[in-house]
């Protein structure tokens, strides 16, 4: 019996060590992703000063919130932080991220398609920046997304029709951009008001099934 008990204890200890090792690997990957963002940004107010790559656990960094059980990054709160620069594709590695709050900064360049890998994401707030390029169709993979606010940027191109698959989407705002084409009207888009699409001078209005074909025209 004593021998069996010792084997069980050793087995449990090995499992605990394996869990801790895997947690450290996850923390390193997430820390690397966040530090890639820091390197891409200008930070005059030094709000990212605590983002030290020599610290294994990014959960100790300011403006980063983690799940206390699994120690995975769940929130990134950097709204109105006077940041400038570009978003980085490495953000797509934050697999447990639920809230990505980067509104009211001076972010430029395109929105990385890799953000569509954030399957746990509930809220994506990038409003009031200077982002350019198109809305990534990969956002259609964000099945838990409830809030998508991209208003007040310089986004161009069509509203991806793939986004109509987002059944949990409650708020969608792309006003004050330079989008073109027609507005999807099926799925979650059937309940959004015109205010969600205001001040896009090249938008042609709601998609009329049977009358206006979605993919016609030189919209870019």
N, C-alpha and C. Protein backbone atom coordinates (compact mmCIF):
# COMPACT_ATOMS: atom_id res chain seq x y z
N UNK A 1 0.83 -1.21 0.00
CA UNK A 1 0.00 0.00 0.00
C UNK A 1 0.86 1.25 0.00
N UNK A 2 1.96 1.22 0.83
CA UNK A 2 2.83 2.39 0.89
C UNK A 2 3.47 2.68 -0.44
N UNK A 3 3.84 1.63 -1.13
CA UNK A 3 4.46 1.79 -2.46
C UNK A 3 3.49 2.41 -3.44
N UNK A 4 2.23 1.96 -3.42
CA UNK A 4 1.21 2.50 -4.33
C UNK A 4 0.94 3.97 -4.03
N UNK A 5 0.92 4.31 -2.70
CA UNK A 5 0.66 5.69 -2.32
C UNK A 5 1.79 6.59 -2.81
N UNK A 6 3.02 6.10 -2.70
CA UNK A 6 4.16 6.90 -3.18
C UNK A 6 4.07 7.12 -4.69
N UNK A 7 3.65 6.09 -5.42
CA UNK A 7 3.52 6.22 -6.88
C UNK A 7 2.47 7.26 -7.24
N UNK A 8 1.36 7.26 -6.51
CA UNK A 8 0.29 8.24 -6.76
C UNK A 8 0.79 9.64 -6.49
N UNK A 9 1.53 9.80 -5.37
CA UNK A 9 2.06 11.13 -5.03
C UNK A 9 3.05 11.62 -6.08
N UNK A 10 3.91 10.70 -6.54
CA UNK A 10 4.87 11.07 -7.58
C UNK A 10 4.15 11.45 -8.86
N UNK A 11 3.10 10.68 -9.20
CA UNK A 11 2.34 10.97 -10.41
C UNK A 11 1.68 12.33 -10.32
N UNK A 12 1.09 12.64 -9.17
CA UNK A 12 0.46 13.95 -8.98
C UNK A 12 1.48 15.08 -9.07
N UNK A 13 2.67 14.82 -8.49
CA UNK A 13 3.71 15.84 -8.54
C UNK A 13 4.16 16.10 -9.98
N UNK A 14 4.28 15.03 -10.76
CA UNK A 14 4.66 15.19 -12.17
C UNK A 14 3.60 15.97 -12.94
N UNK A 15 2.34 15.68 -12.65
CA UNK A 15 1.26 16.40 -13.32
C UNK A 15 1.29 17.87 -12.97
N UNK A 16 1.55 18.17 -11.69
CA UNK A 16 1.62 19.57 -11.25
C UNK A 16 2.77 20.29 -11.94
N UNK A 17 3.92 19.63 -12.00
CA UNK A 17 5.08 20.24 -12.67
C UNK A 17 4.80 20.47 -14.15
N UNK A 18 4.12 19.50 -14.78
CA UNK A 18 3.77 19.65 -16.19
C UNK A 18 2.83 20.82 -16.40
N UNK A 19 1.83 20.94 -15.50
CA UNK A 19 0.88 22.06 -15.60
C UNK A 19 1.59 23.39 -15.45
N UNK A 20 2.50 23.48 -14.46
CA UNK A 20 3.23 24.73 -14.25
C UNK A 20 4.13 25.05 -15.45
N UNK A 21 4.73 24.02 -16.03
CA UNK A 21 5.60 24.24 -17.20
C UNK A 21 4.79 24.75 -18.39
N UNK A 22 3.62 24.14 -18.61
CA UNK A 22 2.77 24.58 -19.73
C UNK A 22 2.26 25.98 -19.49
N UNK A 23 1.92 26.32 -18.24
CA UNK A 23 1.46 27.67 -17.93
C UNK A 23 2.56 28.69 -18.20
N UNK A 24 3.80 28.33 -17.87
CA UNK A 24 4.92 29.24 -18.12
C UNK A 24 5.14 29.45 -19.61
N UNK A 25 4.98 28.37 -20.39
CA UNK A 25 5.11 28.50 -21.85
C UNK A 25 4.04 29.42 -22.41
N UNK A 26 2.78 29.23 -21.96
CA UNK A 26 1.69 30.10 -22.42
C UNK A 26 1.96 31.55 -22.05
N UNK A 27 2.43 31.76 -20.81
CA UNK A 27 2.72 33.13 -20.37
C UNK A 27 3.81 33.75 -21.22
N UNK A 28 4.84 32.95 -21.58
CA UNK A 28 5.91 33.47 -22.42
C UNK A 28 5.40 33.86 -23.80
N UNK A 29 4.53 33.01 -24.38
CA UNK A 29 3.99 33.31 -25.70
C UNK A 29 3.15 34.59 -25.66
N UNK A 30 2.34 34.73 -24.62
CA UNK A 30 1.50 35.92 -24.50
C UNK A 30 2.35 37.15 -24.21
N UNK A 31 3.36 36.99 -23.38
CA UNK A 31 4.26 38.10 -23.10
C UNK A 31 4.98 38.56 -24.35
N UNK A 32 5.42 37.60 -25.17
CA UNK A 32 6.08 37.94 -26.44
C UNK A 32 5.14 38.70 -27.36
N UNK A 33 3.87 38.28 -27.41
CA UNK A 33 2.89 38.95 -28.27
C UNK A 33 2.65 40.38 -27.81
N UNK A 34 2.50 40.57 -26.50
CA UNK A 34 2.27 41.91 -25.98
C UNK A 34 3.50 42.80 -26.14
N UNK A 35 4.67 42.21 -25.97
CA UNK A 35 5.88 43.02 -26.12
C UNK A 35 6.09 43.42 -27.58
N UNK A 36 5.64 42.56 -28.52
CA UNK A 36 5.69 42.95 -29.94
C UNK A 36 4.81 44.17 -30.18
N UNK A 37 3.66 44.23 -29.50
CA UNK A 37 2.81 45.42 -29.61
C UNK A 37 3.52 46.63 -29.03
N UNK A 38 4.13 46.47 -27.87
CA UNK A 38 4.82 47.60 -27.26
C UNK A 38 5.90 48.16 -28.19
N UNK A 39 6.67 47.28 -28.82
CA UNK A 39 7.74 47.72 -29.72
C UNK A 39 7.19 48.47 -30.93
N UNK A 40 5.94 48.19 -31.28
CA UNK A 40 5.34 48.81 -32.46
C UNK A 40 4.71 50.16 -32.16
N UNK A 41 4.63 50.52 -30.89
CA UNK A 41 3.89 51.72 -30.48
C UNK A 41 4.82 52.80 -29.93
N UNK A 42 4.43 54.05 -30.16
CA UNK A 42 5.05 55.18 -29.48
C UNK A 42 4.22 55.46 -28.23
N UNK A 43 4.88 55.65 -27.11
CA UNK A 43 4.20 55.71 -25.82
C UNK A 43 4.70 56.93 -25.03
N UNK A 44 4.27 58.14 -25.41
CA UNK A 44 4.81 59.34 -24.75
C UNK A 44 4.45 59.44 -23.27
N UNK A 45 3.35 58.83 -22.85
CA UNK A 45 2.94 58.90 -21.45
C UNK A 45 3.51 57.75 -20.62
N UNK A 46 4.26 56.86 -21.28
CA UNK A 46 4.91 55.71 -20.62
C UNK A 46 3.91 54.81 -19.88
N UNK A 47 2.76 54.62 -20.50
CA UNK A 47 1.76 53.73 -19.88
C UNK A 47 2.17 52.27 -20.00
N UNK A 48 3.11 51.98 -20.91
CA UNK A 48 3.57 50.59 -21.10
C UNK A 48 4.92 50.34 -20.44
N UNK A 49 5.32 51.22 -19.55
CA UNK A 49 6.64 51.11 -18.95
C UNK A 49 6.82 49.81 -18.16
N UNK A 50 5.73 49.29 -17.61
CA UNK A 50 5.82 48.06 -16.81
C UNK A 50 5.90 46.80 -17.68
N UNK A 51 5.74 46.95 -19.00
CA UNK A 51 5.77 45.79 -19.89
C UNK A 51 7.23 45.37 -20.12
N UNK A 52 7.75 44.65 -19.15
CA UNK A 52 9.16 44.26 -19.12
C UNK A 52 9.30 42.83 -19.64
N UNK A 53 9.98 42.62 -20.76
CA UNK A 53 10.09 41.27 -21.33
C UNK A 53 10.91 40.32 -20.46
N UNK A 54 11.65 40.84 -19.48
CA UNK A 54 12.41 39.96 -18.60
C UNK A 54 11.53 39.35 -17.52
N UNK A 55 10.31 39.86 -17.35
CA UNK A 55 9.35 39.28 -16.42
C UNK A 55 8.55 38.22 -17.16
N UNK A 56 8.62 36.99 -16.70
CA UNK A 56 8.01 35.88 -17.43
C UNK A 56 6.50 36.03 -17.54
N UNK A 57 5.87 36.58 -16.51
CA UNK A 57 4.41 36.61 -16.43
C UNK A 57 3.86 37.99 -16.80
N UNK A 58 3.22 38.15 -17.98
CA UNK A 58 2.66 39.46 -18.36
C UNK A 58 1.47 39.87 -17.49
N UNK A 59 0.97 38.95 -16.66
CA UNK A 59 -0.17 39.28 -15.80
C UNK A 59 0.21 40.29 -14.72
N UNK A 60 1.50 40.55 -14.55
CA UNK A 60 1.95 41.56 -13.59
C UNK A 60 2.05 42.95 -14.24
N UNK A 61 1.82 43.04 -15.53
CA UNK A 61 1.96 44.32 -16.24
C UNK A 61 0.70 45.16 -16.08
N UNK A 62 0.87 46.47 -16.03
CA UNK A 62 -0.27 47.38 -15.96
C UNK A 62 -1.09 47.31 -17.24
N UNK A 63 -2.40 47.50 -17.11
CA UNK A 63 -3.36 47.52 -18.23
C UNK A 63 -3.61 46.14 -18.83
N UNK A 64 -3.08 45.09 -18.18
CA UNK A 64 -3.29 43.70 -18.62
C UNK A 64 -4.03 42.97 -17.49
N UNK A 65 -5.13 42.31 -17.85
CA UNK A 65 -5.89 41.52 -16.88
C UNK A 65 -5.83 40.06 -17.29
N UNK A 66 -5.68 39.17 -16.29
CA UNK A 66 -5.57 37.75 -16.57
C UNK A 66 -6.63 36.95 -15.81
N UNK A 67 -6.92 35.79 -16.32
CA UNK A 67 -7.77 34.83 -15.63
C UNK A 67 -6.98 34.28 -14.44
N UNK A 68 -7.50 34.42 -13.20
CA UNK A 68 -6.73 34.01 -12.03
C UNK A 68 -6.52 32.50 -11.93
N UNK A 69 -7.33 31.72 -12.63
CA UNK A 69 -7.21 30.26 -12.56
C UNK A 69 -6.13 29.75 -13.52
N UNK A 70 -6.22 30.17 -14.78
CA UNK A 70 -5.31 29.66 -15.80
C UNK A 70 -4.18 30.63 -16.15
N UNK A 71 -4.25 31.84 -15.56
CA UNK A 71 -3.19 32.84 -15.77
C UNK A 71 -3.01 33.19 -17.25
N UNK A 72 -4.13 33.31 -17.95
CA UNK A 72 -4.10 33.70 -19.36
C UNK A 72 -4.64 35.13 -19.51
N UNK A 73 -4.11 35.86 -20.45
CA UNK A 73 -4.52 37.25 -20.66
C UNK A 73 -5.96 37.30 -21.19
N UNK A 74 -6.82 38.04 -20.48
CA UNK A 74 -8.22 38.14 -20.88
C UNK A 74 -8.64 39.56 -21.27
N UNK A 75 -7.90 40.56 -20.81
CA UNK A 75 -8.24 41.96 -21.14
C UNK A 75 -6.97 42.74 -21.43
N UNK A 76 -7.12 43.67 -22.38
CA UNK A 76 -6.07 44.64 -22.67
C UNK A 76 -6.75 46.00 -22.73
N UNK A 77 -6.50 46.84 -21.73
CA UNK A 77 -7.20 48.13 -21.58
C UNK A 77 -6.22 49.27 -21.83
N UNK A 78 -6.21 49.77 -23.07
CA UNK A 78 -5.31 50.85 -23.45
C UNK A 78 -6.06 51.95 -24.20
N UNK A 79 -7.31 52.15 -23.82
CA UNK A 79 -8.09 53.22 -24.44
C UNK A 79 -7.62 54.59 -23.98
N UNK A 80 -7.61 55.56 -24.91
CA UNK A 80 -7.29 56.96 -24.60
C UNK A 80 -5.95 57.08 -23.88
N UNK A 81 -4.95 56.36 -24.38
CA UNK A 81 -3.64 56.33 -23.73
C UNK A 81 -2.58 57.11 -24.50
N UNK A 82 -3.00 57.87 -25.52
CA UNK A 82 -2.09 58.70 -26.33
C UNK A 82 -1.02 57.86 -27.03
N UNK A 83 -1.39 56.65 -27.40
CA UNK A 83 -0.47 55.78 -28.12
C UNK A 83 -0.56 56.04 -29.62
N UNK A 84 0.54 55.86 -30.31
CA UNK A 84 0.54 55.92 -31.78
C UNK A 84 1.38 54.76 -32.30
N UNK A 85 1.16 54.44 -33.57
CA UNK A 85 1.88 53.32 -34.17
C UNK A 85 0.92 52.33 -34.78
N UNK A 86 1.36 51.09 -34.94
CA UNK A 86 0.58 50.09 -35.66
C UNK A 86 0.23 48.89 -34.77
N UNK A 87 -0.90 48.28 -35.09
CA UNK A 87 -1.24 47.00 -34.48
C UNK A 87 -0.35 45.91 -35.07
N UNK A 88 -0.17 44.83 -34.33
CA UNK A 88 0.74 43.77 -34.80
C UNK A 88 -0.02 42.44 -34.90
N UNK A 89 0.35 41.60 -35.86
CA UNK A 89 -0.33 40.30 -36.02
C UNK A 89 -0.16 39.39 -34.82
N UNK A 90 0.88 39.59 -34.02
CA UNK A 90 1.11 38.74 -32.84
C UNK A 90 -0.04 38.78 -31.85
N UNK A 91 -0.88 39.82 -31.90
CA UNK A 91 -2.02 39.89 -30.99
C UNK A 91 -2.95 38.69 -31.17
N UNK A 92 -2.93 38.08 -32.34
CA UNK A 92 -3.75 36.91 -32.60
C UNK A 92 -3.38 35.70 -31.76
N UNK A 93 -2.25 35.76 -31.04
CA UNK A 93 -1.81 34.65 -30.19
C UNK A 93 -2.43 34.69 -28.80
N UNK A 94 -3.16 35.76 -28.48
CA UNK A 94 -3.77 35.89 -27.15
C UNK A 94 -5.10 35.15 -27.15
N UNK A 95 -5.03 33.82 -27.10
CA UNK A 95 -6.18 32.97 -27.36
C UNK A 95 -7.33 33.13 -26.38
N UNK A 96 -7.04 33.60 -25.16
CA UNK A 96 -8.09 33.76 -24.15
C UNK A 96 -8.58 35.20 -24.03
N UNK A 97 -8.09 36.08 -24.90
CA UNK A 97 -8.46 37.50 -24.81
C UNK A 97 -9.95 37.70 -25.06
N UNK A 98 -10.60 38.42 -24.16
CA UNK A 98 -12.03 38.70 -24.28
C UNK A 98 -12.31 40.17 -24.60
N UNK A 99 -11.44 41.06 -24.15
CA UNK A 99 -11.65 42.50 -24.35
C UNK A 99 -10.36 43.12 -24.88
N UNK A 100 -10.46 43.71 -26.07
CA UNK A 100 -9.33 44.42 -26.66
C UNK A 100 -9.75 45.87 -26.83
N UNK A 101 -9.27 46.72 -25.92
CA UNK A 101 -9.70 48.11 -25.83
C UNK A 101 -8.53 49.02 -26.20
N UNK A 102 -8.54 49.53 -27.43
CA UNK A 102 -7.48 50.40 -27.92
C UNK A 102 -8.06 51.66 -28.57
N UNK A 103 -9.22 52.07 -28.10
CA UNK A 103 -9.94 53.21 -28.68
C UNK A 103 -9.26 54.54 -28.32
N UNK A 104 -9.55 55.55 -29.13
CA UNK A 104 -9.12 56.94 -28.88
C UNK A 104 -7.61 57.06 -28.68
N UNK A 105 -6.87 56.48 -29.62
CA UNK A 105 -5.43 56.68 -29.70
C UNK A 105 -5.11 57.24 -31.08
N UNK A 106 -3.92 57.02 -31.56
CA UNK A 106 -3.56 57.46 -32.91
C UNK A 106 -2.92 56.29 -33.66
N UNK A 107 -3.62 55.16 -33.65
CA UNK A 107 -3.14 53.98 -34.34
C UNK A 107 -3.33 54.13 -35.84
N UNK A 108 -2.35 53.69 -36.61
CA UNK A 108 -2.39 53.81 -38.06
C UNK A 108 -2.17 52.44 -38.68
N UNK A 109 -2.30 52.40 -40.03
CA UNK A 109 -2.07 51.16 -40.73
C UNK A 109 -3.29 50.25 -40.69
N UNK A 110 -3.17 49.05 -41.23
CA UNK A 110 -4.31 48.13 -41.34
C UNK A 110 -4.60 47.40 -40.03
N UNK A 111 -5.80 46.85 -39.96
CA UNK A 111 -6.17 45.95 -38.86
C UNK A 111 -5.68 44.56 -39.23
N UNK A 112 -4.83 43.94 -38.42
CA UNK A 112 -4.31 42.61 -38.78
C UNK A 112 -5.42 41.56 -38.89
N UNK A 113 -5.38 40.79 -39.95
CA UNK A 113 -6.36 39.71 -40.12
C UNK A 113 -6.26 38.69 -38.99
N UNK A 114 -5.10 38.62 -38.33
CA UNK A 114 -4.88 37.65 -37.26
C UNK A 114 -5.77 37.90 -36.05
N UNK A 115 -6.35 39.09 -35.93
CA UNK A 115 -7.30 39.33 -34.83
C UNK A 115 -8.51 38.41 -34.96
N UNK A 116 -8.75 37.89 -36.13
CA UNK A 116 -9.83 36.93 -36.32
C UNK A 116 -9.57 35.59 -35.67
N UNK A 117 -8.37 35.39 -35.09
CA UNK A 117 -8.05 34.17 -34.37
C UNK A 117 -8.44 34.24 -32.90
N UNK A 118 -8.91 35.38 -32.44
CA UNK A 118 -9.23 35.58 -31.02
C UNK A 118 -10.63 35.06 -30.73
N UNK A 119 -10.76 33.74 -30.68
CA UNK A 119 -12.07 33.09 -30.60
C UNK A 119 -12.85 33.43 -29.33
N UNK A 120 -12.16 33.89 -28.27
CA UNK A 120 -12.83 34.21 -27.01
C UNK A 120 -13.29 35.67 -26.95
N UNK A 121 -12.96 36.44 -27.97
CA UNK A 121 -13.18 37.89 -27.92
C UNK A 121 -14.66 38.24 -27.82
N UNK A 122 -14.97 39.11 -26.86
CA UNK A 122 -16.34 39.60 -26.65
C UNK A 122 -16.47 41.04 -27.14
N UNK A 123 -15.42 41.84 -26.93
CA UNK A 123 -15.48 43.26 -27.28
C UNK A 123 -14.20 43.67 -27.99
N UNK A 124 -14.35 44.31 -29.15
CA UNK A 124 -13.22 44.84 -29.91
C UNK A 124 -13.50 46.31 -30.17
N UNK A 125 -12.78 47.18 -29.47
CA UNK A 125 -12.98 48.62 -29.57
C UNK A 125 -11.73 49.29 -30.12
N UNK A 126 -11.80 49.68 -31.39
CA UNK A 126 -10.70 50.37 -32.07
C UNK A 126 -11.14 51.73 -32.58
N UNK A 127 -12.23 52.23 -32.03
CA UNK A 127 -12.80 53.48 -32.56
C UNK A 127 -11.93 54.69 -32.26
N UNK A 128 -12.09 55.72 -33.11
CA UNK A 128 -11.37 56.98 -33.01
C UNK A 128 -9.86 56.78 -33.00
N UNK A 129 -9.38 56.17 -34.08
CA UNK A 129 -7.96 56.09 -34.40
C UNK A 129 -7.78 56.58 -35.82
N UNK A 130 -6.72 56.19 -36.48
CA UNK A 130 -6.50 56.53 -37.89
C UNK A 130 -6.17 55.28 -38.69
N UNK A 131 -6.88 54.21 -38.39
CA UNK A 131 -6.65 52.94 -39.06
C UNK A 131 -7.11 53.00 -40.51
N UNK A 132 -6.38 52.33 -41.37
CA UNK A 132 -6.70 52.32 -42.80
C UNK A 132 -6.86 50.87 -43.27
N UNK A 133 -7.14 50.73 -44.58
CA UNK A 133 -7.35 49.40 -45.12
C UNK A 133 -8.78 48.94 -44.90
N UNK A 134 -9.01 47.66 -45.07
CA UNK A 134 -10.37 47.12 -45.03
C UNK A 134 -10.65 46.42 -43.71
N UNK A 135 -11.93 46.14 -43.46
CA UNK A 135 -12.34 45.35 -42.31
C UNK A 135 -12.04 43.89 -42.62
N UNK A 136 -11.25 43.20 -41.82
CA UNK A 136 -10.87 41.82 -42.15
C UNK A 136 -12.07 40.87 -42.16
N UNK A 137 -12.30 40.14 -43.24
CA UNK A 137 -13.35 39.12 -43.25
C UNK A 137 -13.14 38.06 -42.18
N UNK A 138 -11.89 37.91 -41.70
CA UNK A 138 -11.60 36.91 -40.66
C UNK A 138 -12.34 37.19 -39.36
N UNK A 139 -12.87 38.41 -39.20
CA UNK A 139 -13.66 38.73 -38.01
C UNK A 139 -14.89 37.83 -37.91
N UNK A 140 -15.28 37.21 -39.02
CA UNK A 140 -16.44 36.31 -39.00
C UNK A 140 -16.19 35.08 -38.13
N UNK A 141 -14.92 34.83 -37.75
CA UNK A 141 -14.59 33.70 -36.89
C UNK A 141 -14.82 34.00 -35.41
N UNK A 142 -15.13 35.26 -35.09
CA UNK A 142 -15.25 35.68 -33.69
C UNK A 142 -16.67 35.42 -33.19
N UNK A 143 -16.97 34.16 -32.98
CA UNK A 143 -18.36 33.76 -32.70
C UNK A 143 -18.89 34.28 -31.38
N UNK A 144 -18.01 34.67 -30.44
CA UNK A 144 -18.45 35.21 -29.16
C UNK A 144 -18.55 36.73 -29.14
N UNK A 145 -18.22 37.36 -30.25
CA UNK A 145 -18.14 38.82 -30.28
C UNK A 145 -19.52 39.46 -30.12
N UNK A 146 -19.60 40.42 -29.18
CA UNK A 146 -20.84 41.15 -28.94
C UNK A 146 -20.73 42.62 -29.33
N UNK A 147 -19.52 43.19 -29.22
CA UNK A 147 -19.33 44.62 -29.46
C UNK A 147 -18.17 44.81 -30.43
N UNK A 148 -18.46 45.41 -31.58
CA UNK A 148 -17.44 45.70 -32.59
C UNK A 148 -17.59 47.16 -32.98
N UNK A 149 -16.66 47.98 -32.48
CA UNK A 149 -16.74 49.43 -32.74
C UNK A 149 -15.46 49.87 -33.46
N UNK A 150 -15.63 50.22 -34.73
CA UNK A 150 -14.53 50.64 -35.58
C UNK A 150 -14.75 52.06 -36.11
N UNK A 151 -15.69 52.77 -35.53
CA UNK A 151 -16.04 54.10 -36.03
C UNK A 151 -14.91 55.10 -35.83
N UNK A 152 -14.92 56.14 -36.67
CA UNK A 152 -13.95 57.20 -36.53
C UNK A 152 -12.54 56.81 -36.95
N UNK A 153 -12.44 56.03 -38.02
CA UNK A 153 -11.14 55.70 -38.60
C UNK A 153 -11.13 56.12 -40.07
N UNK A 154 -10.26 55.53 -40.85
CA UNK A 154 -10.21 55.83 -42.30
C UNK A 154 -10.28 54.52 -43.08
N UNK A 155 -11.13 53.63 -42.63
CA UNK A 155 -11.28 52.32 -43.25
C UNK A 155 -11.97 52.43 -44.60
N UNK A 156 -11.55 51.60 -45.54
CA UNK A 156 -12.12 51.60 -46.89
C UNK A 156 -12.61 50.19 -47.24
N UNK A 157 -13.17 50.08 -48.44
CA UNK A 157 -13.64 48.78 -48.89
C UNK A 157 -15.05 48.47 -48.41
N UNK A 158 -15.47 47.24 -48.62
CA UNK A 158 -16.82 46.81 -48.28
C UNK A 158 -16.92 46.36 -46.82
N UNK A 159 -18.13 46.34 -46.33
CA UNK A 159 -18.42 45.66 -45.08
C UNK A 159 -18.50 44.17 -45.41
N UNK A 160 -17.61 43.35 -44.88
CA UNK A 160 -17.60 41.93 -45.26
C UNK A 160 -18.94 41.26 -44.95
N UNK A 161 -19.51 40.63 -45.96
CA UNK A 161 -20.79 39.97 -45.76
C UNK A 161 -20.66 38.77 -44.82
N UNK A 162 -19.44 38.27 -44.67
CA UNK A 162 -19.22 37.15 -43.75
C UNK A 162 -19.60 37.50 -42.32
N UNK A 163 -19.59 38.80 -41.98
CA UNK A 163 -19.90 39.22 -40.62
C UNK A 163 -21.36 38.96 -40.24
N UNK A 164 -22.19 38.70 -41.22
CA UNK A 164 -23.60 38.41 -40.90
C UNK A 164 -23.74 37.09 -40.13
N UNK A 165 -22.67 36.28 -40.09
CA UNK A 165 -22.69 35.02 -39.35
C UNK A 165 -22.53 35.22 -37.85
N UNK A 166 -22.19 36.44 -37.41
CA UNK A 166 -21.92 36.69 -35.99
C UNK A 166 -23.23 36.82 -35.22
N UNK A 167 -23.73 35.68 -34.76
CA UNK A 167 -25.05 35.66 -34.13
C UNK A 167 -25.14 36.36 -32.79
N UNK A 168 -23.99 36.56 -32.11
CA UNK A 168 -24.02 37.21 -30.80
C UNK A 168 -23.77 38.72 -30.86
N UNK A 169 -23.55 39.24 -32.06
CA UNK A 169 -23.20 40.65 -32.20
C UNK A 169 -24.37 41.56 -31.81
N UNK A 170 -24.13 42.43 -30.82
CA UNK A 170 -25.16 43.34 -30.31
C UNK A 170 -24.96 44.77 -30.80
N UNK A 171 -23.70 45.19 -30.85
CA UNK A 171 -23.38 46.56 -31.27
C UNK A 171 -22.33 46.49 -32.38
N UNK A 172 -22.62 47.17 -33.48
CA UNK A 172 -21.71 47.24 -34.63
C UNK A 172 -21.69 48.68 -35.09
N UNK A 173 -20.53 49.32 -35.06
CA UNK A 173 -20.44 50.73 -35.44
C UNK A 173 -19.24 50.94 -36.35
N UNK A 174 -19.53 51.31 -37.60
CA UNK A 174 -18.47 51.64 -38.56
C UNK A 174 -18.68 53.04 -39.12
N UNK A 175 -19.40 53.87 -38.38
CA UNK A 175 -19.66 55.23 -38.85
C UNK A 175 -18.35 56.02 -38.95
N UNK A 176 -18.39 57.08 -39.75
CA UNK A 176 -17.25 57.99 -39.90
C UNK A 176 -16.01 57.27 -40.41
N UNK A 177 -16.18 56.55 -41.51
CA UNK A 177 -15.07 55.94 -42.24
C UNK A 177 -15.22 56.29 -43.71
N UNK A 178 -14.63 55.50 -44.59
CA UNK A 178 -14.75 55.71 -46.04
C UNK A 178 -15.14 54.40 -46.71
N UNK A 179 -16.08 53.69 -46.10
CA UNK A 179 -16.52 52.41 -46.63
C UNK A 179 -17.40 52.61 -47.86
N UNK A 180 -17.52 51.57 -48.66
CA UNK A 180 -18.30 51.65 -49.89
C UNK A 180 -19.10 50.38 -50.08
N UNK A 181 -19.88 50.34 -51.15
CA UNK A 181 -20.72 49.17 -51.41
C UNK A 181 -22.04 49.27 -50.68
N UNK A 182 -22.68 48.13 -50.49
CA UNK A 182 -23.98 48.10 -49.84
C UNK A 182 -23.85 47.57 -48.41
N UNK A 183 -24.91 47.79 -47.64
CA UNK A 183 -24.93 47.39 -46.23
C UNK A 183 -25.65 46.05 -46.11
N UNK A 184 -25.02 45.04 -45.55
CA UNK A 184 -25.72 43.76 -45.34
C UNK A 184 -26.97 43.94 -44.48
N UNK A 185 -27.98 43.15 -44.74
CA UNK A 185 -29.25 43.30 -44.01
C UNK A 185 -29.75 42.00 -43.40
N UNK A 186 -28.95 40.95 -43.45
CA UNK A 186 -29.39 39.66 -42.91
C UNK A 186 -28.65 39.36 -41.61
N UNK A 187 -29.11 38.35 -40.90
CA UNK A 187 -28.48 37.97 -39.64
C UNK A 187 -28.54 39.10 -38.63
N UNK A 188 -27.46 39.28 -37.89
CA UNK A 188 -27.41 40.33 -36.87
C UNK A 188 -27.59 41.72 -37.47
N UNK A 189 -27.26 41.87 -38.76
CA UNK A 189 -27.34 43.19 -39.39
C UNK A 189 -28.78 43.65 -39.61
N UNK A 190 -29.73 42.76 -39.46
CA UNK A 190 -31.12 43.15 -39.65
C UNK A 190 -31.61 44.09 -38.55
N UNK A 191 -30.89 44.15 -37.42
CA UNK A 191 -31.35 44.98 -36.31
C UNK A 191 -30.52 46.24 -36.09
N UNK A 192 -29.47 46.44 -36.88
CA UNK A 192 -28.65 47.64 -36.70
C UNK A 192 -29.28 48.83 -37.43
N UNK A 193 -29.26 50.00 -36.78
CA UNK A 193 -29.85 51.21 -37.37
C UNK A 193 -28.85 51.87 -38.31
N UNK A 194 -29.32 52.86 -39.05
CA UNK A 194 -28.48 53.58 -39.99
C UNK A 194 -27.35 54.34 -39.28
N UNK A 195 -27.52 54.63 -38.00
CA UNK A 195 -26.47 55.33 -37.25
C UNK A 195 -25.18 54.51 -37.21
N UNK A 196 -25.30 53.20 -37.29
CA UNK A 196 -24.11 52.34 -37.28
C UNK A 196 -23.24 52.54 -38.51
N UNK A 197 -23.81 53.11 -39.57
CA UNK A 197 -23.11 53.22 -40.86
C UNK A 197 -22.99 54.67 -41.33
N UNK A 198 -23.36 55.63 -40.49
CA UNK A 198 -23.43 57.04 -40.89
C UNK A 198 -22.07 57.59 -41.31
N UNK A 199 -22.12 58.60 -42.16
CA UNK A 199 -20.93 59.34 -42.58
C UNK A 199 -19.89 58.46 -43.27
N UNK A 200 -20.39 57.58 -44.13
CA UNK A 200 -19.57 56.87 -45.11
C UNK A 200 -20.15 57.25 -46.48
N UNK A 201 -19.61 58.29 -47.07
CA UNK A 201 -20.26 58.91 -48.25
C UNK A 201 -20.37 57.96 -49.43
N UNK A 202 -19.56 56.90 -49.46
CA UNK A 202 -19.61 55.98 -50.61
C UNK A 202 -20.48 54.76 -50.38
N UNK A 203 -21.04 54.62 -49.18
CA UNK A 203 -21.97 53.52 -48.95
C UNK A 203 -23.26 53.77 -49.73
N UNK A 204 -23.76 52.73 -50.38
CA UNK A 204 -24.92 52.88 -51.27
C UNK A 204 -26.24 52.59 -50.59
N UNK A 205 -26.23 52.30 -49.30
CA UNK A 205 -27.46 51.98 -48.61
C UNK A 205 -27.62 50.50 -48.40
N UNK A 206 -28.75 50.09 -47.82
CA UNK A 206 -28.97 48.68 -47.50
C UNK A 206 -28.98 47.80 -48.74
N UNK A 207 -28.48 46.60 -48.57
CA UNK A 207 -28.53 45.60 -49.63
C UNK A 207 -29.98 45.17 -49.82
N UNK A 208 -30.47 45.28 -51.03
CA UNK A 208 -31.84 44.88 -51.34
C UNK A 208 -31.79 43.57 -52.09
N UNK A 209 -32.13 42.51 -51.41
CA UNK A 209 -32.04 41.19 -52.02
C UNK A 209 -32.92 41.09 -53.26
N UNK A 210 -32.31 40.69 -54.35
CA UNK A 210 -33.04 40.57 -55.60
C UNK A 210 -32.97 41.82 -56.46
N UNK A 211 -32.50 42.94 -55.87
CA UNK A 211 -32.43 44.19 -56.63
C UNK A 211 -30.99 44.71 -56.74
N UNK A 212 -30.28 44.71 -55.63
CA UNK A 212 -28.90 45.19 -55.64
C UNK A 212 -27.97 44.01 -55.38
N UNK A 213 -27.10 43.74 -56.33
CA UNK A 213 -26.14 42.65 -56.15
C UNK A 213 -24.99 43.15 -55.30
N UNK A 214 -24.61 42.34 -54.30
CA UNK A 214 -23.63 42.76 -53.31
C UNK A 214 -22.25 43.00 -53.91
N UNK A 215 -21.84 42.20 -54.88
CA UNK A 215 -20.46 42.23 -55.34
C UNK A 215 -20.26 42.96 -56.65
N UNK A 216 -21.13 43.89 -56.99
CA UNK A 216 -20.99 44.65 -58.24
C UNK A 216 -20.40 46.01 -57.93
N UNK A 217 -19.56 46.50 -58.84
CA UNK A 217 -19.05 47.85 -58.70
C UNK A 217 -17.57 47.88 -58.38
N UNK A 218 -16.99 49.07 -58.46
CA UNK A 218 -15.57 49.25 -58.23
C UNK A 218 -15.25 49.68 -56.82
N UNK A 219 -15.88 49.10 -55.86
CA UNK A 219 -15.67 49.49 -54.46
C UNK A 219 -14.33 48.99 -53.96
N UNK A 220 -13.49 49.90 -53.47
CA UNK A 220 -12.16 49.55 -52.94
C UNK A 220 -11.88 50.36 -51.69
